[in-house]
All heavy atoms as atom14 arrays in JSON, in Angstrom:
{
  "sequence": "SGLEFAYSQAPLFMQGVCMGLFLATCGIGGYVAELILVIVDAVTGS",
  "atom14_mask": [
    [1, 1, 1, 1, 1, 1, 0, 0, 0, 0, 0, 0, 0, 0],
    [1, 1, 1, 1, 0, 0, 0, 0, 0, 0, 0, 0, 0, 0],
    [1, 1, 1, 1, 1, 1, 1, 1, 0, 0, 0, 0, 0, 0],
    [1, 1, 1, 1, 1, 1, 1, 1, 1, 0, 0, 0, 0, 0],
    [1, 1, 1, 1, 1, 1, 1, 1, 1, 1, 1, 0, 0, 0],
    [1, 1, 1, 1, 1, 0, 0, 0, 0, 0, 0, 0, 0, 0],
    [1, 1, 1, 1, 1, 1, 1, 1, 1, 1, 1, 1, 0, 0],
    [1, 1, 1, 1, 1, 1, 0, 0, 0, 0, 0, 0, 0, 0],
    [1, 1, 1, 1, 1, 1, 1, 1, 1, 0, 0, 0, 0, 0],
    [1, 1, 1, 1, 1, 0, 0, 0, 0, 0, 0, 0, 0, 0],
    [1, 1, 1, 1, 1, 1, 1, 0, 0, 0, 0, 0, 0, 0],
    [1, 1, 1, 1, 1, 1, 1, 1, 0, 0, 0, 0, 0, 0],
    [1, 1, 1, 1, 1, 1, 1, 1, 1, 1, 1, 0, 0, 0],
    [1, 1, 1, 1, 1, 1, 1, 1, 0, 0, 0, 0, 0, 0],
    [1, 1, 1, 1, 1, 1, 1, 1, 1, 0, 0, 0, 0, 0],
    [1, 1, 1, 1, 0, 0, 0, 0, 0, 0, 0, 0, 0, 0],
    [1, 1, 1, 1, 1, 1, 1, 0, 0, 0, 0, 0, 0, 0],
    [1, 1, 1, 1, 1, 1, 0, 0, 0, 0, 0, 0, 0, 0],
    [1, 1, 1, 1, 1, 1, 1, 1, 0, 0, 0, 0, 0, 0],
    [1, 1, 1, 1, 0, 0, 0, 0, 0, 0, 0, 0, 0, 0],
    [1, 1, 1, 1, 1, 1, 1, 1, 0, 0, 0, 0, 0, 0],
    [1, 1, 1, 1, 1, 1, 1, 1, 1, 1, 1, 0, 0, 0],
    [1, 1, 1, 1, 1, 1, 1, 1, 0, 0, 0, 0, 0, 0],
    [1, 1, 1, 1, 1, 0, 0, 0, 0, 0, 0, 0, 0, 0],
    [1, 1, 1, 1, 1, 1, 1, 0, 0, 0, 0, 0, 0, 0],
    [1, 1, 1, 1, 1, 1, 0, 0, 0, 0, 0, 0, 0, 0],
    [1, 1, 1, 1, 0, 0, 0, 0, 0, 0, 0, 0, 0, 0],
    [1, 1, 1, 1, 1, 1, 1, 1, 0, 0, 0, 0, 0, 0],
    [1, 1, 1, 1, 0, 0, 0, 0, 0, 0, 0, 0, 0, 0],
    [1, 1, 1, 1, 0, 0, 0, 0, 0, 0, 0, 0, 0, 0],
    [1, 1, 1, 1, 1, 1, 1, 1, 1, 1, 1, 1, 0, 0],
    [1, 1, 1, 1, 1, 1, 1, 0, 0, 0, 0, 0, 0, 0],
    [1, 1, 1, 1, 1, 0, 0, 0, 0, 0, 0, 0, 0, 0],
    [1, 1, 1, 1, 1, 1, 1, 1, 1, 0, 0, 0, 0, 0],
    [1, 1, 1, 1, 1, 1, 1, 1, 0, 0, 0, 0, 0, 0],
    [1, 1, 1, 1, 1, 1, 1, 1, 0, 0, 0, 0, 0, 0],
    [1, 1, 1, 1, 1, 1, 1, 1, 0, 0, 0, 0, 0, 0],
    [1, 1, 1, 1, 1, 1, 1, 0, 0, 0, 0, 0, 0, 0],
    [1, 1, 1, 1, 1, 1, 1, 1, 0, 0, 0, 0, 0, 0],
    [1, 1, 1, 1, 1, 1, 1, 0, 0, 0, 0, 0, 0, 0],
    [1, 1, 1, 1, 1, 1, 1, 1, 0, 0, 0, 0, 0, 0],
    [1, 1, 1, 1, 1, 0, 0, 0, 0, 0, 0, 0, 0, 0],
    [1, 1, 1, 1, 1, 1, 1, 0, 0, 0, 0, 0, 0, 0],
    [1, 1, 1, 1, 1, 1, 1, 0, 0, 0, 0, 0, 0, 0],
    [1, 1, 1, 1, 0, 0, 0, 0, 0, 0, 0, 0, 0, 0],
    [1, 1, 1, 1, 1, 1, 0, 0, 0, 0, 0, 0, 0, 0]
  ],
  "atom14_positions": [
    [[16.17, 5.75, 16.17], [14.86, 6.34, 16.45], [13.82, 5.26, 16.68], [12.88, 5.45, 17.45], [14.43, 7.25, 15.29], [15.38, 8.28, 15.09], [0.0, 0.0, 0.0], [0.0, 0.0, 0.0], [0.0, 0.0, 0.0], [0.0, 0.0, 0.0], [0.0, 0.0, 0.0], [0.0, 0.0, 0.0], [0.0, 0.0, 0.0], [0.0, 0.0, 0.0]],
    [[13.99, 4.1, 16.0], [13.07, 2.99, 16.23], [13.18, 2.45, 17.64], [12.16, 2.14, 18.28], [0.0, 0.0, 0.0], [0.0, 0.0, 0.0], [0.0, 0.0, 0.0], [0.0, 0.0, 0.0], [0.0, 0.0, 0.0], [0.0, 0.0, 0.0], [0.0, 0.0, 0.0], [0.0, 0.0, 0.0], [0.0, 0.0, 0.0], [0.0, 0.0, 0.0]],
    [[14.4, 2.33, 18.16], [14.58, 1.9, 19.55], [13.93, 2.89, 20.51], [13.24, 2.5, 21.45], [16.08, 1.79, 19.86], [16.85, 0.64, 19.2], [18.35, 0.81, 19.44], [16.39, -0.71, 19.74], [0.0, 0.0, 0.0], [0.0, 0.0, 0.0], [0.0, 0.0, 0.0], [0.0, 0.0, 0.0], [0.0, 0.0, 0.0], [0.0, 0.0, 0.0]],
    [[14.16, 4.16, 20.26], [13.58, 5.19, 21.13], [12.05, 5.21, 21.03], [11.36, 5.37, 22.05], [14.15, 6.56, 20.74], [13.73, 7.69, 21.66], [14.21, 9.04, 21.17], [15.06, 9.09, 20.27], [13.69, 10.05, 21.68], [0.0, 0.0, 0.0], [0.0, 0.0, 0.0], [0.0, 0.0, 0.0], [0.0, 0.0, 0.0], [0.0, 0.0, 0.0]],
    [[11.54, 5.03, 19.82], [10.1, 4.98, 19.62], [9.48, 3.81, 20.37], [8.46, 3.96, 21.06], [9.81, 4.87, 18.12], [8.35, 4.73, 17.78], [7.52, 5.83, 17.73], [7.81, 3.48, 17.5], [6.17, 5.7, 17.41], [6.47, 3.33, 17.18], [5.65, 4.45, 17.14], [0.0, 0.0, 0.0], [0.0, 0.0, 0.0], [0.0, 0.0, 0.0]],
    [[10.1, 2.62, 20.25], [9.58, 1.44, 20.93], [9.56, 1.64, 22.43], [8.63, 1.2, 23.12], [10.44, 0.22, 20.58], [0.0, 0.0, 0.0], [0.0, 0.0, 0.0], [0.0, 0.0, 0.0], [0.0, 0.0, 0.0], [0.0, 0.0, 0.0], [0.0, 0.0, 0.0], [0.0, 0.0, 0.0], [0.0, 0.0, 0.0], [0.0, 0.0, 0.0]],
    [[10.57, 2.33, 22.96], [10.64, 2.56, 24.41], [9.63, 3.61, 24.86], [8.89, 3.41, 25.82], [12.05, 3.01, 24.79], [12.18, 3.43, 26.24], [12.32, 2.48, 27.24], [12.13, 4.78, 26.61], [12.43, 2.86, 28.57], [12.24, 5.16, 27.93], [12.39, 4.2, 28.91], [12.49, 4.58, 30.22], [0.0, 0.0, 0.0], [0.0, 0.0, 0.0]],
    [[9.59, 4.74, 24.16], [8.8, 5.88, 24.63], [7.3, 5.7, 24.41], [6.49, 6.25, 25.16], [9.26, 7.17, 23.93], [9.01, 7.1, 22.54], [0.0, 0.0, 0.0], [0.0, 0.0, 0.0], [0.0, 0.0, 0.0], [0.0, 0.0, 0.0], [0.0, 0.0, 0.0], [0.0, 0.0, 0.0], [0.0, 0.0, 0.0], [0.0, 0.0, 0.0]],
    [[6.91, 4.92, 23.39], [5.5, 4.78, 23.09], [4.85, 3.55, 23.72], [3.63, 3.42, 23.7], [5.31, 4.74, 21.58], [5.7, 6.03, 20.88], [4.95, 7.23, 21.42], [3.74, 7.32, 21.29], [5.66, 8.13, 22.06], [0.0, 0.0, 0.0], [0.0, 0.0, 0.0], [0.0, 0.0, 0.0], [0.0, 0.0, 0.0], [0.0, 0.0, 0.0]],
    [[5.68, 2.66, 24.26], [5.14, 1.48, 24.93], [4.8, 1.81, 26.38], [5.47, 2.63, 27.0], [6.15, 0.34, 24.9], [0.0, 0.0, 0.0], [0.0, 0.0, 0.0], [0.0, 0.0, 0.0], [0.0, 0.0, 0.0], [0.0, 0.0, 0.0], [0.0, 0.0, 0.0], [0.0, 0.0, 0.0], [0.0, 0.0, 0.0], [0.0, 0.0, 0.0]],
    [[3.75, 1.2, 26.93], [3.49, 1.37, 28.36], [4.63, 0.79, 29.17], [5.32, -0.14, 28.73], [2.19, 0.59, 28.58], [2.14, -0.39, 27.45], [2.8, 0.29, 26.3], [0.0, 0.0, 0.0], [0.0, 0.0, 0.0], [0.0, 0.0, 0.0], [0.0, 0.0, 0.0], [0.0, 0.0, 0.0], [0.0, 0.0, 0.0], [0.0, 0.0, 0.0]],
    [[4.85, 1.33, 30.36], [5.99, 0.93, 31.19], [6.05, -0.57, 31.38], [7.13, -1.17, 31.32], [5.9, 1.64, 32.55], [7.03, 1.36, 33.54], [8.36, 1.86, 32.99], [6.73, 2.0, 34.89], [0.0, 0.0, 0.0], [0.0, 0.0, 0.0], [0.0, 0.0, 0.0], [0.0, 0.0, 0.0], [0.0, 0.0, 0.0], [0.0, 0.0, 0.0]],
    [[4.9, -1.21, 31.58], [4.88, -2.63, 31.89], [4.97, -3.52, 30.66], [4.89, -4.74, 30.77], [3.62, -2.98, 32.7], [2.33, -2.58, 32.03], [1.66, -3.44, 31.19], [1.79, -1.33, 32.27], [0.48, -3.08, 30.59], [0.61, -0.95, 31.66], [-0.06, -1.82, 30.83], [0.0, 0.0, 0.0], [0.0, 0.0, 0.0], [0.0, 0.0, 0.0]],
    [[5.12, -2.91, 29.46], [5.25, -3.71, 28.24], [6.43, -3.24, 27.38], [6.53, -3.59, 26.2], [3.96, -3.65, 27.42], [2.77, -4.27, 28.11], [1.26, -4.25, 27.11], [1.59, -5.55, 25.94], [0.0, 0.0, 0.0], [0.0, 0.0, 0.0], [0.0, 0.0, 0.0], [0.0, 0.0, 0.0], [0.0, 0.0, 0.0], [0.0, 0.0, 0.0]],
    [[7.35, -2.48, 27.98], [8.47, -1.96, 27.2], [9.4, -3.07, 26.7], [9.9, -3.01, 25.59], [9.27, -0.95, 28.04], [8.56, 0.39, 28.17], [9.27, 1.33, 29.11], [10.04, 0.89, 29.98], [9.05, 2.61, 28.95], [0.0, 0.0, 0.0], [0.0, 0.0, 0.0], [0.0, 0.0, 0.0], [0.0, 0.0, 0.0], [0.0, 0.0, 0.0]],
    [[9.64, -4.07, 27.53], [10.51, -5.17, 27.12], [9.93, -5.94, 25.95], [10.63, -6.29, 25.0], [0.0, 0.0, 0.0], [0.0, 0.0, 0.0], [0.0, 0.0, 0.0], [0.0, 0.0, 0.0], [0.0, 0.0, 0.0], [0.0, 0.0, 0.0], [0.0, 0.0, 0.0], [0.0, 0.0, 0.0], [0.0, 0.0, 0.0], [0.0, 0.0, 0.0]],
    [[8.62, -6.23, 26.02], [7.96, -6.95, 24.93], [8.03, -6.13, 23.64], [8.34, -6.67, 22.57], [6.49, -7.25, 25.29], [5.75, -7.83, 24.08], [6.42, -8.22, 26.45], [0.0, 0.0, 0.0], [0.0, 0.0, 0.0], [0.0, 0.0, 0.0], [0.0, 0.0, 0.0], [0.0, 0.0, 0.0], [0.0, 0.0, 0.0], [0.0, 0.0, 0.0]],
    [[7.74, -4.84, 23.74], [7.74, -3.98, 22.54], [9.14, -3.87, 21.96], [9.31, -3.88, 20.73], [7.2, -2.6, 22.88], [5.42, -2.6, 23.18], [0.0, 0.0, 0.0], [0.0, 0.0, 0.0], [0.0, 0.0, 0.0], [0.0, 0.0, 0.0], [0.0, 0.0, 0.0], [0.0, 0.0, 0.0], [0.0, 0.0, 0.0], [0.0, 0.0, 0.0]],
    [[10.16, -3.78, 22.82], [11.52, -3.74, 22.32], [11.86, -5.05, 21.62], [12.52, -5.07, 20.58], [12.5, -3.48, 23.47], [13.92, -3.18, 23.01], [14.08, -1.63, 22.11], [13.88, -0.44, 23.44], [0.0, 0.0, 0.0], [0.0, 0.0, 0.0], [0.0, 0.0, 0.0], [0.0, 0.0, 0.0], [0.0, 0.0, 0.0], [0.0, 0.0, 0.0]],
    [[11.41, -6.17, 22.19], [11.63, -7.47, 21.56], [10.95, -7.55, 20.21], [11.52, -8.09, 19.25], [0.0, 0.0, 0.0], [0.0, 0.0, 0.0], [0.0, 0.0, 0.0], [0.0, 0.0, 0.0], [0.0, 0.0, 0.0], [0.0, 0.0, 0.0], [0.0, 0.0, 0.0], [0.0, 0.0, 0.0], [0.0, 0.0, 0.0], [0.0, 0.0, 0.0]],
    [[9.74, -7.03, 20.11], [9.02, -7.03, 18.83], [9.76, -6.2, 17.79], [9.86, -6.58, 16.62], [7.6, -6.5, 19.02], [6.62, -7.42, 19.76], [5.33, -6.66, 20.07], [6.32, -8.67, 18.93], [0.0, 0.0, 0.0], [0.0, 0.0, 0.0], [0.0, 0.0, 0.0], [0.0, 0.0, 0.0], [0.0, 0.0, 0.0], [0.0, 0.0, 0.0]],
    [[10.29, -5.05, 18.22], [11.03, -4.2, 17.29], [12.28, -4.92, 16.79], [12.59, -4.92, 15.6], [11.42, -2.89, 17.96], [12.28, -2.01, 17.1], [11.74, -1.3, 16.04], [13.65, -1.91, 17.31], [12.53, -0.5, 15.23], [14.46, -1.13, 16.51], [13.89, -0.41, 15.47], [0.0, 0.0, 0.0], [0.0, 0.0, 0.0], [0.0, 0.0, 0.0]],
    [[13.01, -5.55, 17.7], [14.22, -6.27, 17.31], [13.89, -7.46, 16.41], [14.67, -7.82, 15.53], [14.97, -6.74, 18.56], [15.54, -5.63, 19.44], [16.06, -6.2, 20.75], [16.65, -4.87, 18.71], [0.0, 0.0, 0.0], [0.0, 0.0, 0.0], [0.0, 0.0, 0.0], [0.0, 0.0, 0.0], [0.0, 0.0, 0.0], [0.0, 0.0, 0.0]],
    [[12.72, -8.06, 16.62], [12.33, -9.21, 15.8], [12.11, -8.81, 14.34], [12.26, -9.64, 13.43], [11.06, -9.84, 16.35], [0.0, 0.0, 0.0], [0.0, 0.0, 0.0], [0.0, 0.0, 0.0], [0.0, 0.0, 0.0], [0.0, 0.0, 0.0], [0.0, 0.0, 0.0], [0.0, 0.0, 0.0], [0.0, 0.0, 0.0], [0.0, 0.0, 0.0]],
    [[11.75, -7.54, 14.1], [11.54, -7.1, 12.72], [12.82, -7.25, 11.89], [12.75, -7.49, 10.68], [11.08, -5.63, 12.65], [12.08, -4.78, 13.23], [9.77, -5.44, 13.39], [0.0, 0.0, 0.0], [0.0, 0.0, 0.0], [0.0, 0.0, 0.0], [0.0, 0.0, 0.0], [0.0, 0.0, 0.0], [0.0, 0.0, 0.0], [0.0, 0.0, 0.0]],
    [[13.99, -7.12, 12.56], [15.25, -7.25, 11.83], [15.42, -8.67, 11.31], [15.82, -8.88, 10.16], [16.42, -6.88, 12.74], [16.36, -5.16, 13.3], [0.0, 0.0, 0.0], [0.0, 0.0, 0.0], [0.0, 0.0, 0.0], [0.0, 0.0, 0.0], [0.0, 0.0, 0.0], [0.0, 0.0, 0.0], [0.0, 0.0, 0.0], [0.0, 0.0, 0.0]],
    [[15.11, -9.65, 12.15], [15.2, -11.03, 11.72], [14.18, -11.34, 10.64], [14.49, -12.02, 9.64], [0.0, 0.0, 0.0], [0.0, 0.0, 0.0], [0.0, 0.0, 0.0], [0.0, 0.0, 0.0], [0.0, 0.0, 0.0], [0.0, 0.0, 0.0], [0.0, 0.0, 0.0], [0.0, 0.0, 0.0], [0.0, 0.0, 0.0], [0.0, 0.0, 0.0]],
    [[12.96, -10.84, 10.82], [11.92, -11.08, 9.81], [12.31, -10.44, 8.49], [12.08, -10.99, 7.41], [10.57, -10.52, 10.31], [10.12, -11.28, 11.57], [9.51, -10.62, 9.22], [8.92, -10.68, 12.24], [0.0, 0.0, 0.0], [0.0, 0.0, 0.0], [0.0, 0.0, 0.0], [0.0, 0.0, 0.0], [0.0, 0.0, 0.0], [0.0, 0.0, 0.0]],
    [[12.94, -9.25, 8.57], [13.37, -8.57, 7.36], [14.34, -9.4, 6.54], [14.3, -9.39, 5.31], [0.0, 0.0, 0.0], [0.0, 0.0, 0.0], [0.0, 0.0, 0.0], [0.0, 0.0, 0.0], [0.0, 0.0, 0.0], [0.0, 0.0, 0.0], [0.0, 0.0, 0.0], [0.0, 0.0, 0.0], [0.0, 0.0, 0.0], [0.0, 0.0, 0.0]],
    [[15.22, -10.14, 7.22], [16.15, -11.0, 6.52], [15.44, -12.08, 5.73], [15.83, -12.4, 4.59], [0.0, 0.0, 0.0], [0.0, 0.0, 0.0], [0.0, 0.0, 0.0], [0.0, 0.0, 0.0], [0.0, 0.0, 0.0], [0.0, 0.0, 0.0], [0.0, 0.0, 0.0], [0.0, 0.0, 0.0], [0.0, 0.0, 0.0], [0.0, 0.0, 0.0]],
    [[14.38, -12.62, 6.31], [13.62, -13.66, 5.62], [12.77, -13.07, 4.5], [12.54, -13.73, 3.48], [12.76, -14.43, 6.62], [13.6, -15.28, 7.53], [13.84, -14.9, 8.84], [14.18, -16.47, 7.08], [14.64, -15.67, 9.68], [14.97, -17.24, 7.9], [15.21, -16.83, 9.2], [16.01, -17.58, 10.01], [0.0, 0.0, 0.0], [0.0, 0.0, 0.0]],
    [[12.31, -11.84, 4.68], [11.59, -11.17, 3.59], [12.52, -10.95, 2.41], [12.12, -11.11, 1.24], [11.01, -9.82, 4.08], [10.5, -8.99, 2.91], [9.88, -10.07, 5.08], [0.0, 0.0, 0.0], [0.0, 0.0, 0.0], [0.0, 0.0, 0.0], [0.0, 0.0, 0.0], [0.0, 0.0, 0.0], [0.0, 0.0, 0.0], [0.0, 0.0, 0.0]],
    [[13.78, -10.6, 2.7], [14.76, -10.43, 1.63], [14.95, -11.74, 0.86], [15.03, -11.75, -0.38], [16.1, -9.96, 2.21], [0.0, 0.0, 0.0], [0.0, 0.0, 0.0], [0.0, 0.0, 0.0], [0.0, 0.0, 0.0], [0.0, 0.0, 0.0], [0.0, 0.0, 0.0], [0.0, 0.0, 0.0], [0.0, 0.0, 0.0], [0.0, 0.0, 0.0]],
    [[15.0, -12.86, 1.6], [15.12, -14.17, 0.94], [13.88, -14.47, 0.1], [13.98, -15.01, -1.01], [15.29, -15.26, 2.0], [16.61, -15.22, 2.76], [17.78, -15.66, 1.9], [17.55, -16.42, 0.93], [18.91, -15.24, 2.18], [0.0, 0.0, 0.0], [0.0, 0.0, 0.0], [0.0, 0.0, 0.0], [0.0, 0.0, 0.0], [0.0, 0.0, 0.0]],
    [[12.7, -14.11, 0.61], [11.46, -14.32, -0.13], [11.45, -13.52, -1.43], [10.99, -14.01, -2.48], [10.26, -13.94, 0.74], [8.88, -14.05, 0.09], [8.58, -15.49, -0.33], [7.8, -13.54, 1.06], [0.0, 0.0, 0.0], [0.0, 0.0, 0.0], [0.0, 0.0, 0.0], [0.0, 0.0, 0.0], [0.0, 0.0, 0.0], [0.0, 0.0, 0.0]],
    [[11.95, -12.29, -1.36], [12.01, -11.45, -2.57], [12.87, -12.12, -3.62], [12.53, -12.15, -4.82], [12.55, -10.05, -2.21], [11.53, -9.28, -1.38], [12.88, -9.26, -3.49], [12.04, -7.96, -0.83], [0.0, 0.0, 0.0], [0.0, 0.0, 0.0], [0.0, 0.0, 0.0], [0.0, 0.0, 0.0], [0.0, 0.0, 0.0], [0.0, 0.0, 0.0]],
    [[14.01, -12.7, -3.19], [14.89, -13.38, -4.13], [14.2, -14.6, -4.75], [14.37, -14.88, -5.95], [16.18, -13.81, -3.44], [17.13, -12.69, -3.01], [18.37, -13.26, -2.33], [17.54, -11.84, -4.2], [0.0, 0.0, 0.0], [0.0, 0.0, 0.0], [0.0, 0.0, 0.0], [0.0, 0.0, 0.0], [0.0, 0.0, 0.0], [0.0, 0.0, 0.0]],
    [[13.44, -15.33, -3.95], [12.71, -16.49, -4.46], [11.69, -16.05, -5.51], [11.56, -16.68, -6.58], [12.0, -17.23, -3.3], [11.04, -18.29, -3.85], [13.02, -17.88, -2.38], [0.0, 0.0, 0.0], [0.0, 0.0, 0.0], [0.0, 0.0, 0.0], [0.0, 0.0, 0.0], [0.0, 0.0, 0.0], [0.0, 0.0, 0.0], [0.0, 0.0, 0.0]],
    [[10.97, -14.96, -5.23], [9.97, -14.46, -6.17], [10.64, -13.98, -7.46], [10.17, -14.25, -8.58], [9.15, -13.33, -5.53], [8.32, -13.89, -4.36], [8.24, -12.67, -6.57], [7.6, -12.82, -3.56], [0.0, 0.0, 0.0], [0.0, 0.0, 0.0], [0.0, 0.0, 0.0], [0.0, 0.0, 0.0], [0.0, 0.0, 0.0], [0.0, 0.0, 0.0]],
    [[11.76, -13.27, -7.31], [12.5, -12.78, -8.48], [12.98, -13.94, -9.34], [12.86, -13.91, -10.58], [13.69, -11.91, -8.03], [14.67, -11.69, -9.19], [13.21, -10.57, -7.5], [0.0, 0.0, 0.0], [0.0, 0.0, 0.0], [0.0, 0.0, 0.0], [0.0, 0.0, 0.0], [0.0, 0.0, 0.0], [0.0, 0.0, 0.0], [0.0, 0.0, 0.0]],
    [[13.49, -14.99, -8.69], [13.93, -16.18, -9.45], [12.76, -16.85, -10.17], [12.89, -17.31, -11.3], [14.59, -17.19, -8.5], [16.07, -16.9, -8.28], [16.62, -16.09, -9.05], [16.65, -17.45, -7.33], [0.0, 0.0, 0.0], [0.0, 0.0, 0.0], [0.0, 0.0, 0.0], [0.0, 0.0, 0.0], [0.0, 0.0, 0.0], [0.0, 0.0, 0.0]],
    [[11.61, -16.89, -9.5], [10.43, -17.53, -10.11], [9.95, -16.75, -11.32], [9.49, -17.34, -12.31], [9.32, -17.65, -9.07], [0.0, 0.0, 0.0], [0.0, 0.0, 0.0], [0.0, 0.0, 0.0], [0.0, 0.0, 0.0], [0.0, 0.0, 0.0], [0.0, 0.0, 0.0], [0.0, 0.0, 0.0], [0.0, 0.0, 0.0], [0.0, 0.0, 0.0]],
    [[10.07, -15.43, -11.27], [9.57, -14.59, -12.36], [10.58, -14.48, -13.5], [10.22, -14.56, -14.68], [9.21, -13.18, -11.82], [8.83, -12.25, -12.98], [8.06, -13.27, -10.83], [0.0, 0.0, 0.0], [0.0, 0.0, 0.0], [0.0, 0.0, 0.0], [0.0, 0.0, 0.0], [0.0, 0.0, 0.0], [0.0, 0.0, 0.0], [0.0, 0.0, 0.0]],
    [[11.86, -14.3, -13.16], [12.87, -14.05, -14.19], [13.64, -15.29, -14.58], [14.4, -15.28, -15.56], [13.88, -12.98, -13.71], [14.66, -13.52, -12.61], [13.17, -11.73, -13.24], [0.0, 0.0, 0.0], [0.0, 0.0, 0.0], [0.0, 0.0, 0.0], [0.0, 0.0, 0.0], [0.0, 0.0, 0.0], [0.0, 0.0, 0.0], [0.0, 0.0, 0.0]],
    [[13.46, -16.38, -13.81], [14.23, -17.6, -14.09], [15.58, -17.54, -13.4], [16.01, -16.49, -12.91], [0.0, 0.0, 0.0], [0.0, 0.0, 0.0], [0.0, 0.0, 0.0], [0.0, 0.0, 0.0], [0.0, 0.0, 0.0], [0.0, 0.0, 0.0], [0.0, 0.0, 0.0], [0.0, 0.0, 0.0], [0.0, 0.0, 0.0], [0.0, 0.0, 0.0]],
    [[16.23, -18.66, -13.36], [17.53, -18.74, -12.68], [18.7, -18.79, -13.64], [19.85, -18.9, -13.21], [17.57, -19.97, -11.76], [17.33, -21.15, -12.52], [0.0, 0.0, 0.0], [0.0, 0.0, 0.0], [0.0, 0.0, 0.0], [0.0, 0.0, 0.0], [0.0, 0.0, 0.0], [0.0, 0.0, 0.0], [0.0, 0.0, 0.0], [0.0, 0.0, 0.0]]
  ]
}
């Protein structure tokens, strides 16, 4: 649904950019997961 949303809600001349931005969230999410682990380690110790 996210792919469809990015396509249908973006203007025709910016659909590629919007799809790229949506796909980039997956990569950013991976780094957010790493950040969460860093914060958890800082709070609870290793």
